[in-house]
N, C-alpha and C. Protein backbone atom coordinates (compact mmCIF):
# COMPACT_ATOMS: atom_id res chain seq x y z
N GLN A 1 73.58 85.13 15.79
CA GLN A 1 73.14 85.85 17.17
C GLN A 1 73.36 87.55 16.27
N VAL A 2 72.48 87.88 17.08
CA VAL A 2 72.54 89.43 16.75
C VAL A 2 72.59 89.94 17.77
N GLN A 3 74.26 91.01 17.57
CA GLN A 3 74.87 91.79 18.89
C GLN A 3 75.57 92.65 18.28
N LEU A 4 75.65 93.59 19.09
CA LEU A 4 76.01 94.89 18.88
C LEU A 4 77.52 95.03 20.01
N VAL A 5 78.71 95.68 19.43
CA VAL A 5 79.95 95.89 20.87
C VAL A 5 80.16 97.28 20.34
N GLU A 6 80.32 98.33 21.43
CA GLU A 6 80.50 99.47 21.01
C GLU A 6 81.46 99.31 21.27
N SER A 7 82.68 100.81 20.77
CA SER A 7 83.75 100.42 21.55
C SER A 7 84.26 101.97 20.83
N GLY A 8 86.20 102.60 21.49
CA GLY A 8 86.24 103.93 21.30
C GLY A 8 86.16 104.76 22.28
N GLY A 9 85.44 104.31 23.85
CA GLY A 9 85.14 105.53 24.90
C GLY A 9 86.66 105.76 25.51
N GLY A 10 86.76 106.76 26.37
CA GLY A 10 88.24 106.35 27.35
C GLY A 10 87.90 107.48 27.28
N LEU A 11 89.16 108.27 28.24
CA LEU A 11 89.33 109.60 29.47
C LEU A 11 89.86 111.22 28.07
N VAL A 12 89.38 111.57 27.98
CA VAL A 12 89.44 112.78 27.46
C VAL A 12 89.65 114.08 28.19
N GLN A 13 90.39 115.15 27.50
CA GLN A 13 90.19 116.90 28.02
C GLN A 13 89.06 117.00 27.13
N ALA A 14 88.33 118.05 27.99
CA ALA A 14 87.82 119.03 26.95
C ALA A 14 88.59 119.47 26.52
N GLY A 15 87.24 119.25 24.68
CA GLY A 15 87.82 120.47 23.81
C GLY A 15 88.15 119.03 23.03
N GLU A 16 88.10 118.27 23.16
CA GLU A 16 88.69 116.87 22.33
C GLU A 16 87.57 116.61 21.65
N SER A 17 87.92 115.37 20.97
CA SER A 17 86.76 114.84 20.01
C SER A 17 87.38 113.25 20.22
N LEU A 18 86.59 112.42 20.24
CA LEU A 18 86.04 111.45 19.71
C LEU A 18 85.45 110.22 18.91
N ARG A 19 85.75 109.54 18.67
CA ARG A 19 84.82 108.45 17.59
C ARG A 19 84.10 107.31 18.01
N LEU A 20 82.94 107.39 19.07
CA LEU A 20 82.89 105.76 19.02
C LEU A 20 82.29 104.73 17.66
N SER A 21 82.47 103.77 17.83
CA SER A 21 81.43 102.60 17.42
C SER A 21 81.43 101.71 17.34
N CYS A 22 80.22 100.90 16.51
CA CYS A 22 79.22 100.80 17.27
C CYS A 22 79.31 99.02 16.04
N ALA A 23 79.85 97.58 16.94
CA ALA A 23 80.07 96.98 15.30
C ALA A 23 78.92 95.96 15.74
N ALA A 24 77.87 95.91 14.46
CA ALA A 24 76.62 94.66 14.68
C ALA A 24 77.29 93.38 13.28
N SER A 25 76.61 93.06 14.41
CA SER A 25 76.78 91.15 13.86
C SER A 25 75.08 90.83 13.63
N PRO A 26 74.77 89.94 12.96
CA PRO A 26 75.46 89.71 11.45
C PRO A 26 75.72 90.84 10.69
N SER A 27 75.17 91.48 10.55
CA SER A 27 75.42 92.40 9.77
C SER A 27 74.62 94.06 9.95
N SER A 28 74.75 94.83 9.81
CA SER A 28 74.44 96.26 10.29
C SER A 28 72.94 96.82 9.57
N ALA A 29 73.28 95.79 8.07
CA ALA A 29 72.60 96.79 7.36
C ALA A 29 71.01 95.87 7.12
N SER A 30 71.12 94.44 8.25
CA SER A 30 69.70 94.43 8.68
C SER A 30 68.90 95.03 9.41
N PHE A 31 68.93 95.88 10.05
CA PHE A 31 69.15 96.85 10.75
C PHE A 31 68.39 98.41 10.37
N ASN A 32 67.02 98.26 10.32
CA ASN A 32 66.46 99.82 9.60
C ASN A 32 67.07 100.79 9.99
N THR A 33 66.56 100.50 10.87
CA THR A 33 67.43 101.91 12.51
C THR A 33 68.20 102.20 13.08
N MET A 34 69.57 102.40 13.61
CA MET A 34 69.97 102.44 15.10
C MET A 34 70.93 103.66 15.05
N ALA A 35 70.83 103.39 16.47
CA ALA A 35 70.40 104.60 17.65
C ALA A 35 71.44 104.48 18.24
N TRP A 36 71.53 105.75 19.13
CA TRP A 36 73.20 105.81 19.95
C TRP A 36 72.01 106.28 20.93
N HIS A 37 72.41 106.38 22.10
CA HIS A 37 71.83 106.67 23.58
C HIS A 37 73.62 106.84 24.62
N ARG A 38 72.75 107.65 25.83
CA ARG A 38 73.68 107.85 26.56
C ARG A 38 73.19 107.73 28.13
N GLN A 39 74.04 107.52 29.45
CA GLN A 39 73.66 107.24 30.32
C GLN A 39 74.87 108.04 31.26
N ALA A 40 74.53 109.05 32.55
CA ALA A 40 75.30 109.62 32.92
C ALA A 40 75.12 109.37 34.07
N PRO A 41 76.09 109.58 35.10
CA PRO A 41 75.98 108.89 36.36
C PRO A 41 74.87 109.33 36.98
N GLY A 42 73.61 108.24 37.65
CA GLY A 42 72.60 109.04 38.94
C GLY A 42 71.23 109.24 37.67
N LYS A 43 71.83 109.12 36.71
CA LYS A 43 70.70 109.94 35.87
C LYS A 43 69.65 108.81 34.79
N ASP A 44 69.03 109.16 33.84
CA ASP A 44 68.73 107.99 33.39
C ASP A 44 69.16 108.71 31.62
N ARG A 45 68.57 106.78 30.78
CA ARG A 45 69.63 107.04 29.76
C ARG A 45 68.71 107.93 28.84
N VAL A 46 69.88 108.65 27.95
CA VAL A 46 68.65 109.77 26.89
C VAL A 46 69.19 109.46 25.99
N TYR A 47 68.66 109.61 24.21
CA TYR A 47 68.94 109.98 23.01
C TYR A 47 69.66 110.77 23.31
N VAL A 48 70.23 110.31 21.93
CA VAL A 48 71.81 111.22 21.28
C VAL A 48 71.60 111.32 19.84
N ALA A 49 71.11 110.19 19.44
CA ALA A 49 71.20 110.37 18.23
C ALA A 49 70.88 109.31 17.74
N ALA A 50 70.22 109.30 16.03
CA ALA A 50 70.09 107.59 14.98
C ALA A 50 69.87 107.85 14.36
N ILE A 51 69.73 106.64 13.25
CA ILE A 51 70.34 106.94 11.78
C ILE A 51 69.84 105.61 10.33
N THR A 52 68.84 106.14 10.22
CA THR A 52 68.68 104.49 8.77
C THR A 52 69.17 104.24 7.91
N THR A 53 68.63 103.13 6.97
CA THR A 53 69.32 102.30 6.38
C THR A 53 69.42 103.60 5.31
N ASP A 54 68.66 104.49 4.99
CA ASP A 54 69.18 105.22 4.05
C ASP A 54 69.47 106.52 4.31
N ASP A 55 70.60 106.19 5.66
CA ASP A 55 71.17 107.96 5.48
C ASP A 55 70.32 108.29 6.29
N LEU A 56 69.44 108.67 6.69
CA LEU A 56 68.66 110.04 7.82
C LEU A 56 69.48 109.59 8.91
N THR A 57 69.85 111.25 9.28
CA THR A 57 69.51 110.99 10.72
C THR A 57 69.30 112.00 11.16
N ASN A 58 68.90 111.70 12.62
CA ASN A 58 68.41 112.73 13.75
C ASN A 58 69.43 112.89 14.57
N ILE A 59 69.63 114.13 15.42
CA ILE A 59 70.89 114.43 16.82
C ILE A 59 69.76 114.98 17.17
N ASP A 60 69.83 114.69 18.73
CA ASP A 60 69.17 115.49 19.71
C ASP A 60 69.74 117.11 19.95
N ASP A 61 68.76 118.41 19.71
CA ASP A 61 69.56 119.29 19.91
C ASP A 61 70.52 119.43 21.16
N SER A 62 70.34 118.95 22.22
CA SER A 62 71.35 119.50 23.43
C SER A 62 72.36 118.82 22.15
N VAL A 63 72.82 118.29 21.82
CA VAL A 63 74.47 118.22 20.99
C VAL A 63 74.69 117.83 19.66
N LYS A 64 73.22 119.11 18.79
CA LYS A 64 73.35 119.23 17.58
C LYS A 64 74.56 120.13 17.72
N GLY A 65 75.17 119.87 16.41
CA GLY A 65 76.83 120.70 15.75
C GLY A 65 77.92 120.22 16.76
N ARG A 66 77.45 119.50 17.79
CA ARG A 66 79.18 118.84 17.96
C ARG A 66 79.08 117.19 17.64
N PHE A 67 78.39 116.70 17.77
CA PHE A 67 77.96 115.52 17.48
C PHE A 67 77.53 115.27 15.87
N ALA A 68 78.03 113.64 15.45
CA ALA A 68 77.58 113.01 14.09
C ALA A 68 77.67 111.81 14.22
N ILE A 69 76.48 111.41 13.09
CA ILE A 69 76.41 109.87 13.58
C ILE A 69 76.30 109.26 11.96
N SER A 70 76.96 108.14 11.72
CA SER A 70 77.02 107.49 10.44
C SER A 70 77.18 106.18 10.56
N ARG A 71 77.10 105.93 9.93
CA ARG A 71 77.83 104.19 9.11
C ARG A 71 77.89 103.28 8.23
N ASP A 72 78.75 103.17 7.99
CA ASP A 72 79.46 101.94 6.93
C ASP A 72 78.71 100.52 7.10
N ASN A 73 77.92 100.72 6.19
CA ASN A 73 77.22 98.53 6.13
C ASN A 73 78.08 98.42 5.24
N ALA A 74 79.10 98.27 4.57
CA ALA A 74 80.07 97.32 4.17
C ALA A 74 81.10 96.51 5.45
N LYS A 75 81.04 97.79 6.30
CA LYS A 75 82.09 97.49 7.55
C LYS A 75 81.36 96.66 8.92
N ASN A 76 80.10 97.30 8.34
CA ASN A 76 78.45 96.60 9.76
C ASN A 76 79.21 97.56 11.42
N THR A 77 79.71 98.07 11.00
CA THR A 77 79.87 99.51 11.60
C THR A 77 79.34 100.73 11.81
N MET A 78 78.82 101.29 12.99
CA MET A 78 78.06 102.36 12.91
C MET A 78 78.62 103.16 13.82
N TYR A 79 78.91 105.22 13.62
CA TYR A 79 79.69 105.61 14.20
C TYR A 79 79.29 106.44 15.23
N LEU A 80 79.50 107.58 15.73
CA LEU A 80 79.63 108.70 16.60
C LEU A 80 80.41 109.19 16.72
N GLN A 81 80.78 110.50 15.54
CA GLN A 81 81.38 111.62 15.89
C GLN A 81 81.05 112.24 17.71
N ILE A 82 81.95 112.38 17.91
CA ILE A 82 81.61 113.88 19.13
C ILE A 82 83.22 114.87 19.06
N ASP A 83 82.72 115.79 18.93
CA ASP A 83 83.77 117.32 18.81
C ASP A 83 83.11 118.12 19.74
N SER A 84 84.56 118.67 20.08
CA SER A 84 84.44 119.79 21.22
C SER A 84 83.73 119.07 22.12
N LEU A 85 84.47 118.22 22.92
CA LEU A 85 84.21 117.35 24.25
C LEU A 85 83.82 118.24 25.50
N LYS A 86 82.61 118.72 26.22
CA LYS A 86 82.32 119.00 27.45
C LYS A 86 82.47 117.88 28.58
N PRO A 87 82.83 118.17 29.68
CA PRO A 87 82.61 117.07 31.34
C PRO A 87 81.02 116.69 31.22
N GLU A 88 80.20 117.72 30.98
CA GLU A 88 78.82 117.09 30.93
C GLU A 88 78.21 116.00 29.77
N ASP A 89 79.17 115.74 29.12
CA ASP A 89 79.05 114.14 28.07
C ASP A 89 80.06 113.17 28.80
N SER A 90 80.26 113.34 30.11
CA SER A 90 80.52 111.71 29.90
C SER A 90 79.95 111.13 30.36
N ALA A 91 79.50 109.80 29.79
CA ALA A 91 78.55 109.27 29.82
C ALA A 91 78.94 107.97 29.95
N VAL A 92 78.57 107.06 29.73
CA VAL A 92 78.11 105.46 29.28
C VAL A 92 77.15 105.45 27.90
N TYR A 93 77.49 105.42 26.89
CA TYR A 93 77.44 105.45 25.54
C TYR A 93 76.72 103.85 25.09
N TYR A 94 75.42 104.38 24.58
CA TYR A 94 74.96 102.31 23.74
C TYR A 94 74.61 102.89 22.80
N CYS A 95 74.96 101.33 22.18
CA CYS A 95 74.49 101.71 20.46
C CYS A 95 73.11 100.81 20.64
N GLY A 96 72.27 101.02 19.53
CA GLY A 96 71.08 100.43 19.73
C GLY A 96 70.76 100.26 18.13
N ALA A 97 69.74 98.95 17.92
CA ALA A 97 69.45 98.61 16.05
C ALA A 97 67.94 98.28 16.87
N LEU A 98 66.94 98.28 15.71
CA LEU A 98 65.60 98.19 16.17
C LEU A 98 65.68 96.91 14.95
N HIS A 99 65.63 95.47 15.33
CA HIS A 99 65.70 94.23 14.81
C HIS A 99 64.30 93.68 15.65
N ASN A 100 63.03 93.05 14.66
CA ASN A 100 61.77 92.44 14.68
C ASN A 100 61.33 93.15 15.73
N ASP A 101 61.17 94.59 15.63
CA ASP A 101 60.33 95.27 16.45
C ASP A 101 60.66 95.74 17.58
N HIS A 102 61.64 95.48 17.72
CA HIS A 102 62.56 95.87 19.42
C HIS A 102 63.96 96.23 19.22
N TRP A 103 64.16 96.53 20.54
CA TRP A 103 65.18 97.30 20.30
C TRP A 103 66.49 96.38 20.90
N ILE A 104 67.51 95.77 20.67
CA ILE A 104 68.44 95.10 21.37
C ILE A 104 69.13 96.22 21.54
N TRP A 105 70.47 96.43 22.05
CA TRP A 105 71.32 96.62 23.30
C TRP A 105 72.84 96.28 22.94
N GLY A 106 73.88 97.18 22.68
CA GLY A 106 75.32 97.09 23.07
C GLY A 106 75.20 97.46 25.38
N GLN A 107 76.71 96.87 25.34
CA GLN A 107 76.44 96.71 27.00
C GLN A 107 77.35 98.16 27.16
N GLY A 108 77.68 98.91 26.13
CA GLY A 108 78.04 100.38 26.42
C GLY A 108 79.79 100.34 26.32
N THR A 109 80.38 101.98 26.30
CA THR A 109 81.23 102.46 26.08
C THR A 109 81.69 103.22 27.32
N GLN A 110 82.61 103.47 27.97
CA GLN A 110 82.33 104.50 29.12
C GLN A 110 83.00 105.77 28.27
N VAL A 111 82.64 106.86 28.70
CA VAL A 111 83.64 108.47 27.67
C VAL A 111 83.48 109.42 29.17
N THR A 112 84.63 109.39 29.79
CA THR A 112 84.98 110.44 30.66
C THR A 112 85.50 111.84 30.15
N VAL A 113 84.86 113.33 30.19
CA VAL A 113 85.99 113.60 29.58
C VAL A 113 86.55 115.10 31.00
N SER A 114 87.11 115.14 30.83
CA SER A 114 88.01 115.68 32.05
C SER A 114 87.85 117.56 32.06
N SER A 115 87.56 118.58 33.36
CA SER A 115 88.00 120.05 32.45
C SER A 115 88.99 120.44 32.44
């Protein structure tokens, strides 16, 4: 069964860093493209970053310079490193993977940034 489980969220202060993880099963290497999206309260879910099996990455311009995406297929895990957190980064962060031409998503992990 294909499954994605996010972790690493929490309550942090502005300026701090977090690393979110996305554990993929049966294997992250089976997903050509993986991505992070986020959804703030009362807003639509938006794209954050993506990575391919060749480690090609794309970061949305709105967070470029503070966010970094990576994957470790040996650990079946994708990561989102978030530095210099801002209150506006508060959201539920979702991990996604392109599988058989459709996207599957995890349940999300909450990130809350206090000012």
